[in-house]
Amino acid sequence: MIQEGNKFFYNIIEKIIPQNLLHNFFFFKNSPFSIQKIFKREILCNVFLEEEEKKQIINYYVKVKNIYNILNRFVYNYKLKKAIDYDYHFDLFGTPLEKYNENQLINIFQNNTIYKFRITDLLNIIHESLIKCDGLFPEPKIPKNPYTNINFSKHHLYNLFYKVNNSHIITPTIFLLFYNSNFSISDFAYKNYPFLKELIIDEFPKNNTSSKLHYEIKCMCNELKYKTMYKYIDIPLTPDQKAKFVKVFSPTLVTWFKSLYSPNPNIKDSSKNKIVGDILKVIKDNEFPCLKKRILRTRRDMSNNIIPPPPPPAIAFTNTTNTTNTTNTTNTVIEVNDPINNSDNIENIGIDIRPLLSNGTQIPPPTINNVVRLYNSNVTSLPPLLRPLIRESEESILIDILNRELLSEEDVFSSQDRIPRSPIQNTSQNRIITPRTNTSQNRTITPRTNYLNRMNTLFTTRNNRK
């Protein structure tokens, strides 16, 4: 789209420039760019023009531009005389503008209407527009006229900046950065993103509702419950309690956001170090029913490093054997130091000690499992290497397999890649311990002794077959 100012500027050129030089100004006729940009690109930076010709063209351009500015000023003054004065003589807080000095007021001509503002009101509008955000991501917008919702033009912002410099008002930092970006929103957001990020986090409690702040504070407490040892419980709060809760925790929420999203690493690390202390201080100074202290529960040790209990002390038994024809009383004392090894000795002796126990403990009758479980091993449990791999329900099955094959622990867990030098013979390690008889004592052969003898004969015959 061709600008109206370019058409008017070219009409002045046709009236002043000679015909032999008119072709050098042909670019001003149908160009969508501004007059200053065309002059810089087509005349001032044109390397195909000679120096004398370039000077002549520049002189004509200065004359045309001077006439153009005079006519523009005349038109602008004429529009101001015919403009409508906006009939509202108060600032945005309702205070009459008559109470302020002229150096604190400014007139904005827009849409053929003159609007009178207090300078601080416009600075606040610009500030609110430049810190617009989506969540915590900066999205600055162009400032708008609060009465018409129309964007201010660049010349309005320049006039305001010069007016602020000529008054006693300190220029805000964000407005100064906007001026350094030539009042371009894209350049301003690109160059000043860290500054805008920090400013948005600082003003997060001001720009959000109480419900939003309450939700963010609840999430913060739940995220830090393992460090602060306090957790948030969803219980109904009164309006006064909720307002106090949000007000007290709002500065802590800003510190929490800086520890997560601050683009400055120094501020981010400092906020991480102080966030827990700030929360604990707020909880200590105020009592809220929605914050409860966590109770730590001790966890059960599931490791395999279990210390076995000490062996029981020695037990003394007194045995009385009654024969069929005569009655003989014999006291036999058996010292049981090892509950595992001596249990075999007790069974091999062939003495029925169940009626002789003082505490009345009943011993179950002998079964085949009791005999098979007597494999040649010093322990009744599996080696430590297999304890993490085999469950308790499978331990008895593995023991039965070891007894069934009549193998020792060394044969099972030794390397299988070696060939024996001599044939394997049945040694005492591969046999089940046979019952021993003591001829020096007068005992009667009990049914248990006969049972053990039969089982011994059976397993001996089976080994010979192999």
Protein backbone atom coordinates (compact mmCIF):
# COMPACT_ATOMS: atom_id res chain seq x y z
CA MET A 1 0.00 0.00 0.00
CA ILE A 2 1.40 3.38 -1.06
CA GLN A 3 1.51 5.94 1.72
CA GLU A 4 -0.35 9.21 1.26
CA GLY A 5 2.71 11.16 2.39
CA ASN A 6 4.76 9.71 -0.46
CA LYS A 7 2.21 10.82 -3.03
CA PHE A 8 2.11 14.32 -1.61
CA PHE A 9 5.93 14.40 -1.44
CA TYR A 10 6.23 13.38 -5.12
CA ASN A 11 3.76 16.11 -6.15
CA ILE A 12 6.09 18.68 -4.59
CA ILE A 13 9.04 17.10 -6.44
CA GLU A 14 7.30 17.49 -9.80
CA LYS A 15 6.82 21.22 -9.09
CA ILE A 16 10.44 21.97 -8.07
CA ILE A 17 12.81 19.41 -9.63
CA PRO A 18 13.91 20.01 -13.28
CA GLN A 19 12.86 17.42 -15.85
CA ASN A 20 16.43 16.24 -16.51
CA LEU A 21 16.81 15.20 -12.85
CA LEU A 22 13.29 13.94 -12.25
CA HIS A 23 14.24 10.33 -13.06
CA ASN A 24 16.44 10.25 -9.90
CA PHE A 25 13.34 10.82 -7.74
CA PHE A 26 11.15 8.29 -9.47
CA PHE A 27 11.38 5.90 -6.47
CA PHE A 28 9.33 8.26 -4.29
CA LYS A 29 6.28 7.87 -6.51
CA ASN A 30 5.06 4.31 -5.96
CA SER A 31 7.06 3.04 -2.97
CA PRO A 32 5.45 1.63 0.18
CA PHE A 33 8.48 2.65 2.29
CA SER A 34 8.89 5.89 4.19
CA ILE A 35 10.51 8.98 2.66
CA GLN A 36 13.60 8.77 4.88
CA LYS A 37 14.22 5.11 4.02
CA ILE A 38 13.91 5.72 0.29
CA PHE A 39 16.34 8.63 0.47
CA LYS A 40 18.92 6.58 2.37
CA ARG A 41 18.74 3.55 0.08
CA GLU A 42 18.26 5.14 -3.37
CA ILE A 43 20.21 8.39 -3.07
CA LEU A 44 22.59 8.47 -0.15
CA CYS A 45 23.89 4.86 -0.53
CA ASN A 46 23.68 4.67 -4.31
CA VAL A 47 27.17 3.78 -5.59
CA PHE A 48 26.24 4.37 -9.23
CA LEU A 49 25.85 8.14 -8.78
CA GLU A 50 28.79 10.49 -9.22
CA GLU A 51 29.72 12.81 -6.40
CA GLU A 52 28.65 16.02 -8.13
CA GLU A 53 25.38 14.52 -9.27
CA LYS A 54 24.73 13.10 -5.76
CA LYS A 55 25.31 16.52 -4.14
CA GLN A 56 22.93 18.18 -6.58
CA ILE A 57 20.23 15.58 -5.90
CA ILE A 58 20.67 15.96 -2.14
CA ASN A 59 20.27 19.73 -2.36
CA TYR A 60 17.00 19.36 -4.25
CA TYR A 61 15.84 16.75 -1.75
CA VAL A 62 16.48 19.12 1.17
CA LYS A 63 14.41 21.85 -0.47
CA VAL A 64 11.51 19.51 -1.15
CA LYS A 65 11.65 18.07 2.35
CA ASN A 66 11.66 21.53 3.91
CA ILE A 67 8.53 22.51 2.00
CA TYR A 68 6.95 19.19 2.90
CA ASN A 69 7.57 19.70 6.64
CA ILE A 70 6.20 23.26 6.57
CA LEU A 71 3.02 22.09 4.91
CA ASN A 72 2.68 19.19 7.36
CA ARG A 73 3.07 21.53 10.32
CA PHE A 74 0.44 23.84 8.90
CA VAL A 75 -1.98 20.93 8.40
CA TYR A 76 -1.26 19.64 11.89
CA ASN A 77 -1.95 23.01 13.51
CA TYR A 78 -5.14 23.33 11.51
CA LYS A 79 -6.29 19.90 12.74
CA LEU A 80 -5.55 20.89 16.33
CA LYS A 81 -7.75 23.98 16.01
CA LYS A 82 -10.56 21.93 14.57
CA ALA A 83 -10.06 18.96 16.93
CA ILE A 84 -12.55 17.95 19.59
CA ASP A 85 -11.56 18.48 23.20
CA TYR A 86 -12.39 15.33 25.14
CA ASP A 87 -14.78 16.39 27.86
CA TYR A 88 -13.21 14.59 30.80
CA HIS A 89 -10.88 16.61 32.96
CA PHE A 90 -9.94 14.06 35.61
CA ASP A 91 -7.11 11.63 35.95
CA LEU A 92 -7.63 7.88 36.09
CA PHE A 93 -8.10 8.04 39.88
CA GLY A 94 -10.87 10.67 39.63
CA THR A 95 -8.76 13.61 40.78
CA PRO A 96 -9.36 16.88 38.85
CA LEU A 97 -6.50 17.77 36.51
CA GLU A 98 -6.66 21.40 37.65
CA LYS A 99 -4.83 20.44 40.85
CA TYR A 100 -1.68 19.48 38.95
CA ASN A 101 0.94 21.69 37.35
CA GLU A 102 1.29 21.89 33.60
CA ASN A 103 4.62 20.05 33.65
CA GLN A 104 2.75 16.99 35.02
CA LEU A 105 0.14 16.98 32.23
CA ILE A 106 0.33 16.09 28.53
CA ASN A 107 -2.07 16.32 25.57
CA ILE A 108 -2.43 13.40 23.18
CA PHE A 109 -3.92 14.10 19.73
CA GLN A 110 -5.52 10.97 18.36
CA ASN A 111 -8.49 10.28 16.11
CA ASN A 112 -9.14 14.05 15.66
CA THR A 113 -9.61 14.34 19.43
CA ILE A 114 -7.40 15.85 22.12
CA TYR A 115 -7.05 13.76 25.29
CA LYS A 116 -5.51 15.25 28.38
CA PHE A 117 -3.61 12.87 30.69
CA ARG A 118 -1.54 13.01 33.79
CA ILE A 119 1.97 11.81 32.93
CA THR A 120 2.12 9.27 35.77
CA ASP A 121 -1.12 7.68 34.54
CA LEU A 122 0.38 7.12 31.10
CA LEU A 123 3.54 5.69 32.64
CA ASN A 124 1.45 3.21 34.62
CA ILE A 125 -0.46 2.22 31.46
CA ILE A 126 2.79 1.66 29.59
CA HIS A 127 4.17 -0.39 32.48
CA GLU A 128 1.11 -2.64 32.61
CA SER A 129 1.20 -3.17 28.86
CA LEU A 130 4.89 -4.06 28.72
CA ILE A 131 4.68 -6.69 31.50
CA LYS A 132 1.83 -8.62 29.91
CA CYS A 133 2.49 -12.33 30.13
CA ASP A 134 1.08 -15.79 29.50
CA GLY A 135 1.65 -17.52 32.82
CA LEU A 136 5.27 -16.67 33.53
CA PHE A 137 6.28 -16.08 29.90
CA PRO A 138 6.63 -12.39 28.85
CA GLU A 139 4.36 -11.18 26.06
CA PRO A 140 4.57 -7.35 26.00
CA LYS A 141 1.87 -5.38 24.20
CA ILE A 142 1.71 -1.91 22.67
CA PRO A 143 0.20 0.64 25.10
CA LYS A 144 -3.34 1.74 24.33
CA ASN A 145 -5.48 4.79 24.96
CA PRO A 146 -7.68 3.89 27.96
CA TYR A 147 -10.61 5.91 26.54
CA THR A 148 -10.66 4.51 23.01
CA ASN A 149 -8.62 1.27 23.30
CA ILE A 150 -6.54 2.40 20.28
CA ASN A 151 -2.79 1.81 20.23
CA PHE A 152 -0.57 4.80 20.82
CA SER A 153 1.61 5.71 17.85
CA LYS A 154 5.36 6.08 18.07
CA HIS A 155 5.19 9.87 17.90
CA HIS A 156 2.89 9.83 20.96
CA LEU A 157 5.45 7.78 22.89
CA TYR A 158 8.31 10.02 21.79
CA ASN A 159 6.43 13.13 22.87
CA LEU A 160 5.76 11.50 26.24
CA PHE A 161 9.42 10.53 26.70
CA TYR A 162 10.61 14.08 26.00
CA LYS A 163 7.94 15.49 28.28
CA VAL A 164 9.10 13.21 31.12
CA ASN A 165 12.72 14.29 30.63
CA ASN A 166 11.76 17.94 30.85
CA SER A 167 9.85 17.42 34.10
CA HIS A 168 10.93 16.36 37.59
CA ILE A 169 9.58 12.83 37.12
CA ILE A 170 12.12 10.01 37.13
CA THR A 171 11.91 7.95 33.97
CA PRO A 172 11.00 4.33 34.78
CA THR A 173 13.56 1.71 33.77
CA ILE A 174 11.14 -0.28 31.65
CA PHE A 175 10.07 2.83 29.72
CA LEU A 176 13.73 3.76 29.15
CA LEU A 177 14.43 0.27 27.77
CA PHE A 178 11.40 0.62 25.53
CA TYR A 179 12.78 3.92 24.23
CA ASN A 180 16.18 2.33 23.54
CA SER A 181 14.38 -0.30 21.43
CA ASN A 182 12.89 2.48 19.27
CA PHE A 183 9.45 1.65 20.73
CA SER A 184 9.42 -1.66 18.87
CA ILE A 185 7.69 -4.48 20.78
CA SER A 186 9.60 -7.28 19.06
CA ASP A 187 13.01 -5.70 19.70
CA PHE A 188 12.07 -4.84 23.26
CA ALA A 189 11.01 -8.43 24.06
CA TYR A 190 14.08 -9.89 22.38
CA LYS A 191 16.66 -7.68 24.09
CA ASN A 192 15.13 -7.49 27.57
CA TYR A 193 13.71 -10.97 28.16
CA PRO A 194 15.63 -11.64 31.47
CA PHE A 195 14.55 -8.30 32.89
CA LEU A 196 10.92 -8.93 31.96
CA LYS A 197 11.05 -12.45 33.44
CA GLU A 198 12.24 -11.22 36.82
CA LEU A 199 9.71 -8.39 36.81
CA ILE A 200 6.83 -10.76 36.01
CA ILE A 201 7.79 -13.10 38.87
CA ASP A 202 8.01 -10.20 41.34
CA GLU A 203 4.55 -8.93 40.38
CA PHE A 204 2.90 -12.35 40.15
CA PRO A 205 0.87 -11.87 43.41
CA LYS A 206 -0.44 -8.50 42.15
CA ASN A 207 -1.59 -9.75 38.76
CA ASN A 208 -3.43 -12.92 39.85
CA THR A 209 -6.54 -13.72 41.84
CA SER A 210 -6.66 -15.09 45.37
CA SER A 211 -7.83 -18.52 44.17
CA LYS A 212 -4.92 -18.80 41.77
CA LEU A 213 -2.44 -17.83 44.47
CA HIS A 214 -3.99 -20.30 46.93
CA TYR A 215 -3.62 -23.11 44.40
CA GLU A 216 0.03 -22.25 43.66
CA ILE A 217 0.87 -22.06 47.38
CA LYS A 218 -0.74 -25.46 47.96
CA CYS A 219 1.38 -26.96 45.16
CA MET A 220 4.50 -25.37 46.65
CA CYS A 221 3.83 -26.89 50.08
CA ASN A 222 3.24 -30.34 48.58
CA GLU A 223 6.43 -30.17 46.53
CA LEU A 224 8.55 -29.24 49.57
CA LYS A 225 6.86 -31.49 52.15
CA TYR A 226 9.89 -33.80 52.38
CA LYS A 227 12.19 -30.86 53.18
CA THR A 228 9.93 -28.81 55.45
CA MET A 229 8.29 -31.88 57.08
CA TYR A 230 4.90 -30.19 56.69
CA LYS A 231 2.17 -31.24 54.27
CA TYR A 232 -0.95 -29.47 53.04
CA ILE A 233 -4.34 -31.02 53.87
CA ASP A 234 -7.44 -30.10 51.87
CA ILE A 235 -9.80 -28.82 54.52
CA PRO A 236 -12.28 -25.95 54.22
CA LEU A 237 -10.97 -22.55 55.35
CA THR A 238 -12.91 -19.49 56.33
CA PRO A 239 -12.56 -16.40 54.08
CA ASP A 240 -10.42 -14.67 56.71
CA GLN A 241 -8.14 -17.69 57.08
CA LYS A 242 -7.79 -18.06 53.32
CA ALA A 243 -7.00 -14.34 52.86
CA LYS A 244 -4.39 -14.46 55.63
CA PHE A 245 -2.92 -17.68 54.23
CA VAL A 246 -2.48 -16.12 50.76
CA LYS A 247 -1.14 -12.85 52.12
CA VAL A 248 1.47 -14.46 54.36
CA PHE A 249 2.73 -16.98 51.78
CA SER A 250 2.80 -14.64 48.74
CA PRO A 251 6.43 -13.47 49.29
CA THR A 252 7.47 -17.08 49.79
CA LEU A 253 5.71 -18.01 46.55
CA VAL A 254 7.78 -15.40 44.69
CA THR A 255 10.95 -16.94 46.12
CA TRP A 256 9.74 -20.39 45.05
CA PHE A 257 9.14 -19.24 41.46
CA LYS A 258 12.56 -17.59 41.33
CA SER A 259 14.20 -20.83 42.47
CA LEU A 260 12.53 -22.58 39.50
CA TYR A 261 12.28 -20.08 36.63
CA SER A 262 14.69 -17.22 37.27
CA PRO A 263 17.01 -16.64 34.24
CA ASN A 264 19.68 -15.30 36.60
CA PRO A 265 21.67 -18.26 38.04
CA ASN A 266 22.75 -16.25 41.09
CA ILE A 267 19.17 -15.37 42.02
CA LYS A 268 18.07 -18.94 41.29
CA ASP A 269 20.66 -20.53 43.61
CA SER A 270 20.05 -17.99 46.36
CA SER A 271 16.29 -18.63 46.24
CA LYS A 272 16.83 -22.41 46.45
CA ASN A 273 18.89 -21.98 49.61
CA LYS A 274 16.38 -19.76 51.44
CA ILE A 275 12.99 -21.15 50.35
CA VAL A 276 12.80 -23.89 53.04
CA GLY A 277 13.80 -21.48 55.81
CA ASP A 278 11.20 -18.93 54.70
CA ILE A 279 8.41 -21.53 54.74
CA LEU A 280 9.36 -22.81 58.19
CA LYS A 281 9.48 -19.25 59.53
CA VAL A 282 6.00 -18.49 58.19
CA ILE A 283 4.62 -21.72 59.67
CA LYS A 284 6.25 -20.95 63.01
CA ASP A 285 4.81 -17.42 63.20
CA ASN A 286 1.32 -18.45 62.04
CA GLU A 287 -0.87 -21.45 62.78
CA PHE A 288 -2.93 -22.78 59.89
CA PRO A 289 -5.15 -25.87 60.24
CA CYS A 290 -4.38 -26.93 56.67
CA LEU A 291 -0.67 -27.52 57.42
CA LYS A 292 0.18 -30.63 59.42
CA LYS A 293 3.55 -31.99 60.46
CA ARG A 294 4.53 -35.22 58.77
CA ILE A 295 5.17 -38.36 60.87
CA LEU A 296 8.10 -40.47 59.76
CA ARG A 297 7.63 -44.23 59.84
CA THR A 298 10.55 -46.59 60.28
CA ARG A 299 10.91 -49.01 57.43
CA ARG A 300 11.55 -52.69 57.89
CA ASP A 301 15.02 -53.94 56.97
CA MET A 302 14.53 -56.42 54.13
CA SER A 303 18.24 -57.13 53.59
CA ASN A 304 19.85 -60.57 53.93
CA ASN A 305 22.30 -59.50 56.61
CA ILE A 306 20.37 -61.13 59.44
CA ILE A 307 22.34 -62.22 62.51
CA PRO A 308 21.23 -65.72 63.59
CA PRO A 309 20.22 -66.20 67.26
CA PRO A 310 22.68 -67.91 69.63
CA PRO A 311 22.35 -71.71 70.15
CA PRO A 312 20.30 -72.89 73.12
CA PRO A 313 22.08 -74.14 76.25
CA ALA A 314 22.80 -77.82 76.97
CA ILE A 315 19.80 -79.97 77.91
CA ALA A 316 19.98 -82.92 80.29
CA PHE A 317 17.62 -85.85 79.72
CA THR A 318 16.93 -88.81 82.03
CA ASN A 319 15.86 -92.02 80.35
CA THR A 320 14.11 -94.93 82.08
CA THR A 321 13.83 -98.15 80.07
CA ASN A 322 11.30 -100.81 81.10
CA THR A 323 11.83 -104.33 79.84
CA THR A 324 9.21 -107.05 79.57
CA ASN A 325 10.59 -109.48 82.14
CA THR A 326 12.55 -107.31 84.50
CA THR A 327 12.46 -103.62 85.37
CA ASN A 328 15.81 -101.84 85.07
CA THR A 329 16.28 -98.14 85.63
CA THR A 330 19.16 -96.54 83.75
CA ASN A 331 19.97 -92.80 83.87
CA THR A 332 21.46 -91.57 80.64
CA VAL A 333 22.62 -87.97 80.32
CA ILE A 334 23.01 -86.58 76.84
CA GLU A 335 24.58 -83.16 76.43
CA VAL A 336 23.27 -81.31 73.42
CA ASN A 337 25.61 -78.50 72.54
CA ASP A 338 24.78 -78.26 68.87
CA PRO A 339 21.04 -78.45 68.15
CA ILE A 340 21.76 -79.51 64.58
CA ASN A 341 24.49 -82.15 64.87
CA ASN A 342 23.35 -83.63 68.16
CA SER A 343 19.83 -84.07 66.88
CA ASP A 344 21.20 -86.83 64.66
CA ASN A 345 22.94 -88.45 67.64
CA ILE A 346 19.75 -88.47 69.63
CA GLU A 347 17.86 -90.16 66.82
CA ASN A 348 20.70 -92.64 66.17
CA ILE A 349 20.83 -93.73 69.81
CA GLY A 350 17.32 -94.99 69.48
CA ILE A 351 15.97 -93.59 72.73
CA ASP A 352 12.43 -92.34 72.84
CA ILE A 353 12.75 -89.12 74.90
CA ARG A 354 9.32 -87.67 74.25
CA PRO A 355 7.76 -88.87 77.50
CA LEU A 356 10.79 -87.60 79.43
CA LEU A 357 10.60 -83.90 78.53
CA SER A 358 9.91 -81.78 81.58
CA ASN A 359 7.98 -79.06 79.78
CA GLY A 360 5.64 -81.50 78.08
CA THR A 361 6.75 -80.64 74.57
CA GLN A 362 5.47 -83.19 72.05
CA ILE A 363 7.86 -84.40 69.33
CA PRO A 364 6.14 -85.51 66.11
CA PRO A 365 6.57 -89.15 65.06
CA PRO A 366 9.41 -89.92 62.66
CA THR A 367 8.63 -89.63 58.99
CA ILE A 368 10.52 -90.25 55.80
CA ASN A 369 11.17 -86.52 55.46
CA ASN A 370 13.02 -86.50 58.78
CA VAL A 371 15.29 -89.31 57.62
CA VAL A 372 15.91 -87.84 54.16
CA ARG A 373 16.70 -84.45 55.67
CA LEU A 374 19.75 -85.97 57.38
CA TYR A 375 22.17 -85.19 54.56
CA ASN A 376 25.82 -84.69 55.39
CA SER A 377 25.94 -80.91 56.01
CA ASN A 378 26.82 -78.69 58.91
CA VAL A 379 23.87 -76.36 58.33
CA THR A 380 20.20 -76.90 57.69
CA SER A 381 19.79 -73.78 55.52
CA LEU A 382 21.07 -72.96 52.07
CA PRO A 383 24.43 -71.25 51.47
CA PRO A 384 24.42 -67.40 51.56
CA LEU A 385 24.90 -67.30 47.77
CA LEU A 386 21.47 -68.84 47.13
CA ARG A 387 19.50 -67.02 49.85
CA PRO A 388 18.69 -63.94 47.70
CA LEU A 389 17.78 -66.19 44.72
CA ILE A 390 15.57 -68.90 46.31
CA ARG A 391 12.38 -68.24 48.20
CA GLU A 392 11.55 -69.87 51.50
CA SER A 393 8.91 -72.10 49.90
CA GLU A 394 11.50 -73.53 47.50
CA GLU A 395 14.22 -74.09 50.09
CA SER A 396 12.84 -77.40 51.36
CA ILE A 397 12.42 -78.64 47.78
CA LEU A 398 16.09 -77.98 47.02
CA ILE A 399 17.17 -79.72 50.24
CA ASP A 400 15.10 -82.77 49.27
CA ILE A 401 16.77 -82.84 45.86
CA LEU A 402 20.21 -82.71 47.48
CA ASN A 403 19.30 -85.61 49.78
CA ARG A 404 17.71 -87.61 46.98
CA GLU A 405 20.89 -87.45 44.87
CA LEU A 406 23.06 -88.00 47.96
CA LEU A 407 25.43 -85.16 47.02
CA SER A 408 27.45 -82.95 49.30
CA GLU A 409 27.67 -79.16 49.16
CA GLU A 410 31.13 -79.33 47.64
CA ASP A 411 29.88 -81.51 44.79
CA VAL A 412 26.90 -79.28 44.07
CA PHE A 413 28.58 -75.87 44.13
CA SER A 414 31.99 -76.88 42.75
CA SER A 415 33.15 -76.40 39.17
CA GLN A 416 31.92 -79.02 36.67
CA ASP A 417 34.58 -78.48 34.01
CA ARG A 418 37.14 -80.88 35.53
CA ILE A 419 37.39 -84.63 34.89
CA PRO A 420 38.09 -86.69 38.05
CA ARG A 421 41.35 -88.67 38.04
CA SER A 422 39.85 -91.76 39.64
CA PRO A 423 36.34 -93.21 39.80
CA ILE A 424 34.09 -91.69 42.38
CA GLN A 425 33.58 -94.10 45.27
CA ASN A 426 30.91 -94.16 47.87
CA THR A 427 32.48 -92.63 50.91
CA SER A 428 31.16 -91.88 54.29
CA GLN A 429 30.22 -88.37 53.09
CA ASN A 430 27.66 -89.79 50.64
CA ARG A 431 25.98 -92.09 53.06
CA ILE A 432 23.19 -91.35 55.45
CA ILE A 433 24.36 -91.64 59.00
CA THR A 434 23.38 -95.05 60.29
CA PRO A 435 22.11 -95.60 63.79
CA ARG A 436 24.76 -96.58 66.26
CA THR A 437 24.18 -99.15 68.95
CA ASN A 438 25.80 -99.12 72.32
CA THR A 439 26.27 -102.65 73.67
CA SER A 440 27.54 -101.36 76.97
CA GLN A 441 24.10 -100.08 77.88
CA ASN A 442 21.12 -102.24 78.46
CA ARG A 443 18.50 -101.02 76.02
CA THR A 444 15.49 -102.63 74.52
CA ILE A 445 15.07 -102.40 70.73
CA THR A 446 12.20 -100.03 70.19
CA PRO A 447 10.00 -99.73 67.08
CA ARG A 448 11.91 -96.59 66.15
CA THR A 449 15.18 -98.57 66.05
CA ASN A 450 13.65 -101.20 63.80
CA TYR A 451 12.33 -98.46 61.53
CA LEU A 452 15.77 -96.84 61.18
CA ASN A 453 17.39 -100.21 60.46
CA ARG A 454 14.94 -100.94 57.67
CA MET A 455 15.50 -97.49 56.11
CA ASN A 456 19.28 -97.98 56.30
CA THR A 457 19.05 -101.34 54.54
CA LEU A 458 16.84 -99.85 51.85
CA PHE A 459 19.22 -96.95 51.03
CA THR A 460 22.31 -99.24 51.17
CA THR A 461 20.76 -101.58 48.59
CA ARG A 462 19.90 -98.63 46.37
CA ASN A 463 23.47 -97.31 46.45
CA ASN A 464 24.86 -100.72 45.53
CA ARG A 465 22.61 -100.92 42.49
CA LYS A 466 24.00 -97.66 41.19
